[in-house]
Structures are given as C-alpha cells and as structure tokens.
N, C-alpha and C. Protein backbone atom coordinates (compact mmCIF):
# COMPACT_ATOMS: atom_id res chain seq x y z
N PHE A 1 8.76 -10.36 9.99
CA PHE A 1 8.37 -10.41 8.59
C PHE A 1 9.60 -10.65 7.72
N PRO A 2 9.43 -11.30 6.59
CA PRO A 2 10.57 -11.49 5.68
C PRO A 2 11.09 -10.13 5.21
N SER A 3 12.36 -10.09 4.87
CA SER A 3 12.97 -8.81 4.48
C SER A 3 12.42 -8.29 3.16
N HIS A 4 11.78 -9.12 2.35
CA HIS A 4 11.30 -8.67 1.04
C HIS A 4 9.83 -8.24 1.07
N ASP A 5 9.21 -8.22 2.26
CA ASP A 5 7.83 -7.75 2.30
C ASP A 5 7.81 -6.22 2.29
N ARG A 6 6.68 -5.67 1.98
CA ARG A 6 6.50 -4.22 1.95
C ARG A 6 5.27 -3.90 2.79
N VAL A 7 5.39 -2.90 3.63
CA VAL A 7 4.29 -2.47 4.50
C VAL A 7 4.03 -0.99 4.24
N ALA A 8 2.77 -0.64 4.14
CA ALA A 8 2.38 0.76 3.99
C ALA A 8 1.23 1.04 4.95
N ARG A 9 1.24 2.21 5.56
CA ARG A 9 0.19 2.60 6.50
C ARG A 9 -0.75 3.58 5.80
N PHE A 10 -2.03 3.32 5.96
CA PHE A 10 -3.07 4.16 5.37
C PHE A 10 -4.00 4.63 6.47
N HIS A 11 -4.50 5.84 6.37
CA HIS A 11 -5.57 6.29 7.27
C HIS A 11 -6.84 5.60 6.83
N PHE A 12 -7.61 5.14 7.79
CA PHE A 12 -8.85 4.42 7.50
C PHE A 12 -9.80 5.33 6.74
N ASN A 13 -10.32 4.82 5.64
CA ASN A 13 -11.29 5.55 4.82
C ASN A 13 -12.14 4.48 4.14
N ASP A 14 -13.46 4.50 4.37
CA ASP A 14 -14.33 3.48 3.78
C ASP A 14 -15.20 4.03 2.65
N THR A 15 -14.74 5.09 2.00
CA THR A 15 -15.48 5.64 0.86
C THR A 15 -15.65 4.56 -0.20
N ALA A 16 -16.85 4.44 -0.74
CA ALA A 16 -17.14 3.41 -1.74
C ALA A 16 -16.20 3.53 -2.93
N SER A 17 -15.57 2.44 -3.30
CA SER A 17 -14.70 2.22 -4.46
C SER A 17 -13.35 2.94 -4.43
N THR A 18 -13.13 3.92 -3.55
CA THR A 18 -11.84 4.61 -3.53
C THR A 18 -11.18 4.67 -2.16
N GLY A 19 -11.89 4.39 -1.10
CA GLY A 19 -11.31 4.47 0.24
C GLY A 19 -10.31 3.36 0.49
N ALA A 20 -9.32 3.64 1.33
CA ALA A 20 -8.26 2.66 1.61
C ALA A 20 -8.83 1.34 2.11
N HIS A 21 -9.76 1.38 3.04
CA HIS A 21 -10.34 0.14 3.57
C HIS A 21 -11.08 -0.62 2.47
N THR A 22 -11.87 0.07 1.69
CA THR A 22 -12.65 -0.56 0.62
C THR A 22 -11.74 -1.23 -0.40
N VAL A 23 -10.72 -0.52 -0.86
CA VAL A 23 -9.82 -1.05 -1.88
C VAL A 23 -8.97 -2.18 -1.33
N LEU A 24 -8.36 -1.99 -0.16
CA LEU A 24 -7.47 -3.01 0.39
C LEU A 24 -8.24 -4.27 0.78
N ASN A 25 -9.40 -4.13 1.40
CA ASN A 25 -10.18 -5.27 1.84
C ASN A 25 -10.54 -6.18 0.66
N ALA A 26 -10.79 -5.60 -0.49
CA ALA A 26 -11.18 -6.37 -1.67
C ALA A 26 -10.00 -7.07 -2.34
N THR A 27 -8.76 -6.74 -1.94
CA THR A 27 -7.61 -7.30 -2.64
C THR A 27 -6.73 -8.21 -1.79
N VAL A 28 -7.14 -8.53 -0.56
CA VAL A 28 -6.36 -9.46 0.26
C VAL A 28 -6.29 -10.81 -0.46
N GLY A 29 -5.07 -11.32 -0.65
CA GLY A 29 -4.86 -12.59 -1.32
C GLY A 29 -4.84 -12.51 -2.83
N VAL A 30 -4.98 -11.33 -3.39
CA VAL A 30 -5.01 -11.15 -4.84
C VAL A 30 -3.66 -10.66 -5.33
N VAL A 31 -3.16 -11.25 -6.43
CA VAL A 31 -1.92 -10.79 -7.05
C VAL A 31 -2.26 -9.70 -8.05
N GLY A 32 -1.49 -8.63 -8.01
CA GLY A 32 -1.71 -7.55 -8.96
C GLY A 32 -0.60 -6.54 -8.91
N THR A 33 -0.60 -5.65 -9.88
CA THR A 33 0.39 -4.57 -9.90
C THR A 33 -0.10 -3.48 -8.98
N ILE A 34 0.78 -3.07 -8.08
CA ILE A 34 0.44 -1.95 -7.21
C ILE A 34 1.48 -0.85 -7.41
N THR A 35 1.02 0.36 -7.26
CA THR A 35 1.89 1.52 -7.30
C THR A 35 1.55 2.38 -6.09
N ILE A 36 2.58 2.72 -5.33
CA ILE A 36 2.38 3.61 -4.18
C ILE A 36 3.22 4.85 -4.41
N GLU A 37 2.54 6.00 -4.34
CA GLU A 37 3.20 7.30 -4.52
C GLU A 37 3.26 7.98 -3.16
N PHE A 38 4.38 8.58 -2.86
CA PHE A 38 4.63 9.19 -1.56
C PHE A 38 4.63 10.70 -1.67
N GLY A 39 3.65 11.37 -1.06
CA GLY A 39 3.62 12.82 -1.01
C GLY A 39 4.41 13.31 0.19
N SER A 40 4.83 14.53 0.15
CA SER A 40 5.62 15.13 1.22
C SER A 40 4.74 15.45 2.43
N ASN A 41 5.13 14.97 3.60
CA ASN A 41 4.42 15.26 4.86
C ASN A 41 2.93 14.97 4.80
N GLY A 42 2.55 13.88 4.11
CA GLY A 42 1.15 13.49 4.06
C GLY A 42 0.33 14.18 2.99
N ALA A 43 0.95 15.06 2.23
CA ALA A 43 0.23 15.73 1.15
C ALA A 43 0.06 14.79 -0.04
N ALA A 44 -0.86 15.11 -0.92
CA ALA A 44 -1.02 14.33 -2.14
C ALA A 44 0.27 14.37 -2.95
N PRO A 45 0.66 13.26 -3.58
CA PRO A 45 1.88 13.25 -4.39
C PRO A 45 1.77 14.21 -5.57
N THR A 46 2.89 14.82 -5.89
CA THR A 46 2.96 15.72 -7.04
C THR A 46 4.13 15.29 -7.92
N THR A 47 4.25 15.88 -9.07
CA THR A 47 5.31 15.55 -10.01
C THR A 47 6.67 15.60 -9.33
N GLY A 48 7.45 14.53 -9.50
CA GLY A 48 8.79 14.45 -8.93
C GLY A 48 8.84 13.70 -7.61
N ASP A 49 7.68 13.47 -6.95
CA ASP A 49 7.67 12.71 -5.70
C ASP A 49 7.98 11.24 -5.98
N PRO A 50 8.56 10.53 -5.00
CA PRO A 50 8.92 9.13 -5.22
C PRO A 50 7.70 8.20 -5.28
N LYS A 51 7.87 7.10 -6.00
CA LYS A 51 6.84 6.07 -6.06
C LYS A 51 7.54 4.73 -6.30
N TRP A 52 6.85 3.64 -5.99
CA TRP A 52 7.33 2.32 -6.36
C TRP A 52 6.16 1.48 -6.83
N SER A 53 6.46 0.54 -7.72
CA SER A 53 5.40 -0.33 -8.22
C SER A 53 5.99 -1.69 -8.55
N GLY A 54 5.14 -2.69 -8.54
CA GLY A 54 5.56 -4.04 -8.85
C GLY A 54 4.40 -5.01 -8.69
N GLU A 55 4.65 -6.29 -8.99
CA GLU A 55 3.64 -7.34 -8.86
C GLU A 55 3.69 -7.89 -7.44
N TYR A 56 2.60 -7.75 -6.72
CA TYR A 56 2.53 -8.15 -5.32
C TYR A 56 1.24 -8.87 -5.00
N VAL A 57 1.26 -9.57 -3.87
CA VAL A 57 0.04 -10.14 -3.30
C VAL A 57 -0.14 -9.52 -1.91
N LEU A 58 -1.34 -9.01 -1.65
CA LEU A 58 -1.63 -8.41 -0.35
C LEU A 58 -1.87 -9.54 0.64
N ILE A 59 -1.02 -9.63 1.66
CA ILE A 59 -1.08 -10.71 2.65
C ILE A 59 -2.08 -10.38 3.75
N GLU A 60 -2.04 -9.14 4.24
CA GLU A 60 -2.95 -8.74 5.31
C GLU A 60 -3.10 -7.24 5.33
N ALA A 61 -4.18 -6.79 5.97
CA ALA A 61 -4.44 -5.36 6.10
C ALA A 61 -5.18 -5.11 7.42
N PRO A 62 -4.49 -5.35 8.55
CA PRO A 62 -5.15 -5.18 9.84
C PRO A 62 -5.42 -3.71 10.16
N VAL A 63 -6.51 -3.50 10.86
CA VAL A 63 -6.93 -2.16 11.28
C VAL A 63 -6.55 -1.98 12.75
N SER A 64 -5.98 -0.82 13.08
CA SER A 64 -5.61 -0.54 14.47
C SER A 64 -5.76 0.96 14.72
N GLN A 65 -5.42 1.37 15.94
CA GLN A 65 -5.50 2.78 16.31
C GLN A 65 -4.11 3.31 16.60
N ASP A 66 -3.83 4.52 16.14
CA ASP A 66 -2.54 5.16 16.38
C ASP A 66 -2.79 6.64 16.65
N GLY A 67 -2.55 7.06 17.88
CA GLY A 67 -2.72 8.47 18.23
C GLY A 67 -4.12 9.00 18.00
N GLY A 68 -5.12 8.17 18.25
CA GLY A 68 -6.49 8.62 18.08
C GLY A 68 -7.03 8.48 16.67
N ARG A 69 -6.23 7.99 15.73
CA ARG A 69 -6.67 7.79 14.36
C ARG A 69 -6.72 6.30 14.06
N ILE A 70 -7.65 5.91 13.24
CA ILE A 70 -7.74 4.52 12.79
C ILE A 70 -6.83 4.39 11.57
N VAL A 71 -5.95 3.38 11.58
CA VAL A 71 -5.01 3.16 10.49
C VAL A 71 -5.08 1.71 10.01
N ILE A 72 -4.61 1.49 8.80
CA ILE A 72 -4.50 0.16 8.21
C ILE A 72 -3.05 -0.04 7.85
N ASP A 73 -2.44 -1.12 8.34
CA ASP A 73 -1.05 -1.45 8.00
C ASP A 73 -1.06 -2.61 7.01
N ALA A 74 -1.09 -2.29 5.74
CA ALA A 74 -1.15 -3.30 4.69
C ALA A 74 0.23 -3.89 4.46
N ARG A 75 0.26 -5.23 4.27
CA ARG A 75 1.54 -5.92 4.04
C ARG A 75 1.44 -6.75 2.77
N TRP A 76 2.38 -6.49 1.86
CA TRP A 76 2.46 -7.20 0.59
C TRP A 76 3.73 -8.02 0.52
N LEU A 77 3.68 -9.10 -0.26
CA LEU A 77 4.87 -9.87 -0.62
C LEU A 77 4.94 -9.91 -2.14
N PRO A 78 6.18 -9.95 -2.68
CA PRO A 78 6.29 -10.04 -4.14
C PRO A 78 5.57 -11.28 -4.65
N ALA A 79 4.91 -11.16 -5.79
CA ALA A 79 4.27 -12.31 -6.42
C ALA A 79 5.37 -13.29 -6.84
N ALA A 80 5.03 -14.53 -6.98
CA ALA A 80 6.01 -15.58 -7.33
C ALA A 80 6.80 -15.19 -8.57
N GLY A 81 8.12 -15.28 -8.44
CA GLY A 81 9.01 -15.04 -9.58
C GLY A 81 9.20 -13.59 -9.96
N THR A 82 8.79 -12.65 -9.12
CA THR A 82 8.98 -11.25 -9.47
C THR A 82 10.07 -10.62 -8.62
N ALA A 83 10.69 -9.63 -9.19
CA ALA A 83 11.76 -8.92 -8.48
C ALA A 83 11.17 -7.87 -7.56
N ASP A 84 12.02 -7.23 -6.78
CA ASP A 84 11.57 -6.13 -5.93
C ASP A 84 10.99 -5.04 -6.80
N PRO A 85 10.20 -4.13 -6.19
CA PRO A 85 9.53 -3.11 -6.99
C PRO A 85 10.52 -2.15 -7.65
N ALA A 86 10.04 -1.55 -8.70
CA ALA A 86 10.83 -0.54 -9.39
C ALA A 86 10.56 0.82 -8.76
N TRP A 87 11.62 1.49 -8.31
CA TRP A 87 11.48 2.84 -7.76
C TRP A 87 11.50 3.83 -8.91
N GLY A 88 10.75 4.89 -8.77
CA GLY A 88 10.73 5.94 -9.78
C GLY A 88 10.15 7.21 -9.18
N THR A 89 9.71 8.09 -10.03
CA THR A 89 9.06 9.32 -9.57
C THR A 89 7.73 9.47 -10.31
N LYS A 90 6.85 10.22 -9.69
CA LYS A 90 5.52 10.46 -10.27
C LYS A 90 5.66 11.29 -11.51
C-alpha cells in the first residue's frame, strides 16, 4: 500500500445506520471528511483520547476473520489535493 494510505480495523457490526459494516459499505469510493477517535484498550473514546480527521476516499473495506471475530480492515487514501489528516484529541 502507498505510505499515505490509512487503515483502520473495525469489529463487524451490521446495525442499521450505525454499524461499522453498514456505514463503511455505503461509503466505498466516496470522498468525505472522516474522523476516527481512539479509545484506550478498545473502550469508547473519552475526553483527551487521540483522534485524526481529514478528507479521504474509502478504497476498500474487506471482511475477514481474526481470532474468531469478524473484522473489517477499511483502507482510505487522501482525497485529491488534501494533506495528511490533522491529529488532535477528543
């Protein structure tokens, strides 16, 4: 993969309108602003936890199995003419 791509792993969830599979599947090939917040040890992000956001296009979101869990490894590339994402905190 190019060095400027971004990959994030999500646990498979097909909940209508909010599940990782539902949201990611609907945005493959779409340019948009994404923000990913990182919680500690898989917990929900809280104030002060790291996050990054920027203009990206979702290239792929393949589904696979890891340790008995279904996961999605989503891969984004920066949208044309945009810089790397801005790091910050929640």
